[in-house]
Amino acid sequence: MLSDAHAYLLAGFTEQEVREVLDDLDYLLQNSTWPYSRERTADMIVELPSMLTDFLRSVRRDALQNAMISRKVKAAILG
């Protein structure tokens, strides 16, 4: 699934955590300022860990807190 699973591990994300983000992508996109389509966003997320981080930072804080993703990912983005 991921273009480079090792790069995601170095960035602090497991494949399962990325899968959770992709599973909740519709909700996250509805609550973000991200300008790309769902398909483009999904492609970008699996290509580069930095795109995953950038995307999650564009999601409203309250929406990210309520998202169906791991607490570890939420903490990494929300601080």
C-alpha atoms as a PDB file:
ATOM      1  CA  MET A   1       0.000   0.000   0.000  1.00  0.00           C
ATOM      2  CA  LEU A   2       2.625   2.577   1.023  1.00  0.00           C
ATOM      3  CA  SER A   3       5.236   3.636  -1.483  1.00  0.00           C
ATOM      4  CA  ASP A   4       7.994   3.367   1.163  1.00  0.00           C
ATOM      5  CA  ALA A   5       6.868   1.852   4.460  1.00  0.00           C
ATOM      6  CA  HIS A   6      10.272   2.547   6.017  1.00  0.00           C
ATOM      7  CA  ALA A   7       9.928   6.289   5.348  1.00  0.00           C
ATOM      8  CA  TYR A   8       6.579   6.276   7.142  1.00  0.00           C
ATOM      9  CA  LEU A   9       8.086   4.473  10.124  1.00  0.00           C
ATOM     10  CA  LEU A  10      10.863   7.062  10.260  1.00  0.00           C
ATOM     11  CA  ALA A  11       8.209   9.790  10.195  1.00  0.00           C
ATOM     12  CA  GLY A  12       6.429   8.071  13.095  1.00  0.00           C
ATOM     13  CA  PHE A  13       3.507   6.434  11.269  1.00  0.00           C
ATOM     14  CA  THR A  14       2.708   2.745  10.989  1.00  0.00           C
ATOM     15  CA  GLU A  15       0.942   1.294   7.976  1.00  0.00           C
ATOM     16  CA  GLN A  16      -2.117   0.654  10.167  1.00  0.00           C
ATOM     17  CA  GLU A  17      -2.241   4.323  11.188  1.00  0.00           C
ATOM     18  CA  VAL A  18      -2.077   5.438   7.563  1.00  0.00           C
ATOM     19  CA  ARG A  19      -4.865   2.987   6.734  1.00  0.00           C
ATOM     20  CA  GLU A  20      -6.998   4.508   9.525  1.00  0.00           C
ATOM     21  CA  VAL A  21      -6.513   7.982   8.047  1.00  0.00           C
ATOM     22  CA  LEU A  22      -7.497   6.697   4.613  1.00  0.00           C
ATOM     23  CA  ASP A  23     -10.566   4.965   6.077  1.00  0.00           C
ATOM     24  CA  ASP A  24     -11.681   8.254   7.673  1.00  0.00           C
ATOM     25  CA  LEU A  25     -10.646  10.399   4.707  1.00  0.00           C
ATOM     26  CA  ASP A  26     -14.137  11.619   3.771  1.00  0.00           C
ATOM     27  CA  TYR A  27     -14.743  13.022   7.256  1.00  0.00           C
ATOM     28  CA  LEU A  28     -11.278  14.545   7.470  1.00  0.00           C
ATOM     29  CA  LEU A  29     -11.572  16.198   4.050  1.00  0.00           C
ATOM     30  CA  GLN A  30     -14.962  17.708   4.911  1.00  0.00           C
ATOM     31  CA  ASN A  31     -13.350  19.357   7.922  1.00  0.00           C
ATOM     32  CA  SER A  32     -10.150  20.602   6.324  1.00  0.00           C
ATOM     33  CA  THR A  33      -8.864  23.425   4.176  1.00  0.00           C
ATOM     34  CA  TRP A  34      -7.132  20.897   1.911  1.00  0.00           C
ATOM     35  CA  PRO A  35      -7.650  21.897  -1.751  1.00  0.00           C
ATOM     36  CA  TYR A  36      -7.370  18.504  -3.456  1.00  0.00           C
ATOM     37  CA  SER A  37      -9.926  15.833  -4.355  1.00  0.00           C
ATOM     38  CA  ARG A  38     -10.348  12.666  -2.322  1.00  0.00           C
ATOM     39  CA  GLU A  39      -8.583  10.535  -4.923  1.00  0.00           C
ATOM     40  CA  ARG A  40      -5.658  12.931  -5.263  1.00  0.00           C
ATOM     41  CA  THR A  41      -5.360  13.227  -1.499  1.00  0.00           C
ATOM     42  CA  ALA A  42      -5.316   9.450  -1.021  1.00  0.00           C
ATOM     43  CA  ASP A  43      -2.607   9.118  -3.675  1.00  0.00           C
ATOM     44  CA  MET A  44      -0.520  11.850  -2.060  1.00  0.00           C
ATOM     45  CA  ILE A  45      -0.874  10.320   1.410  1.00  0.00           C
ATOM     46  CA  VAL A  46       0.468   6.927   0.318  1.00  0.00           C
ATOM     47  CA  GLU A  47       3.314   8.509  -1.662  1.00  0.00           C
ATOM     48  CA  LEU A  48       4.894  10.792   0.944  1.00  0.00           C
ATOM     49  CA  PRO A  49       4.734  10.900   4.757  1.00  0.00           C
ATOM     50  CA  SER A  50       5.105  14.693   4.614  1.00  0.00           C
ATOM     51  CA  MET A  51       1.845  14.912   2.640  1.00  0.00           C
ATOM     52  CA  LEU A  52       0.092  12.927   5.353  1.00  0.00           C
ATOM     53  CA  THR A  53       1.355  15.371   7.970  1.00  0.00           C
ATOM     54  CA  ASP A  54       0.481  18.424   5.869  1.00  0.00           C
ATOM     55  CA  PHE A  55      -2.997  17.082   5.218  1.00  0.00           C
ATOM     56  CA  LEU A  56      -3.680  16.331   8.884  1.00  0.00           C
ATOM     57  CA  ARG A  57      -2.519  19.824   9.845  1.00  0.00           C
ATOM     58  CA  SER A  58      -5.160  21.250   7.490  1.00  0.00           C
ATOM     59  CA  VAL A  59      -7.964  19.502   9.402  1.00  0.00           C
ATOM     60  CA  ARG A  60      -9.882  21.520  11.992  1.00  0.00           C
ATOM     61  CA  ARG A  61      -8.604  20.782  15.478  1.00  0.00           C
ATOM     62  CA  ASP A  62     -11.965  19.632  16.864  1.00  0.00           C
ATOM     63  CA  ALA A  63     -12.577  17.403  13.844  1.00  0.00           C
ATOM     64  CA  LEU A  64      -9.145  15.820  14.191  1.00  0.00           C
ATOM     65  CA  GLN A  65      -9.816  15.125  17.860  1.00  0.00           C
ATOM     66  CA  ASN A  66     -13.066  13.351  16.898  1.00  0.00           C
ATOM     67  CA  ALA A  67     -11.613  11.431  13.944  1.00  0.00           C
ATOM     68  CA  MET A  68     -11.432   7.643  13.990  1.00  0.00           C
ATOM     69  CA  ILE A  69      -7.623   7.573  13.957  1.00  0.00           C
ATOM     70  CA  SER A  70      -5.092   6.596  16.599  1.00  0.00           C
ATOM     71  CA  ARG A  71      -4.409   8.792  19.610  1.00  0.00           C
ATOM     72  CA  LYS A  72      -0.724   8.697  18.751  1.00  0.00           C
ATOM     73  CA  VAL A  73      -1.348  10.311  15.361  1.00  0.00           C
ATOM     74  CA  LYS A  74      -3.666  12.898  16.897  1.00  0.00           C
ATOM     75  CA  ALA A  75      -1.058  13.750  19.529  1.00  0.00           C
ATOM     76  CA  ALA A  76       1.670  14.076  16.900  1.00  0.00           C
ATOM     77  CA  ILE A  77      -0.369  16.621  14.965  1.00  0.00           C
ATOM     78  CA  LEU A  78      -2.134  18.450  17.786  1.00  0.00           C
ATOM     79  CA  GLY A  79       0.862  18.548  20.087  1.00  0.00           C
END
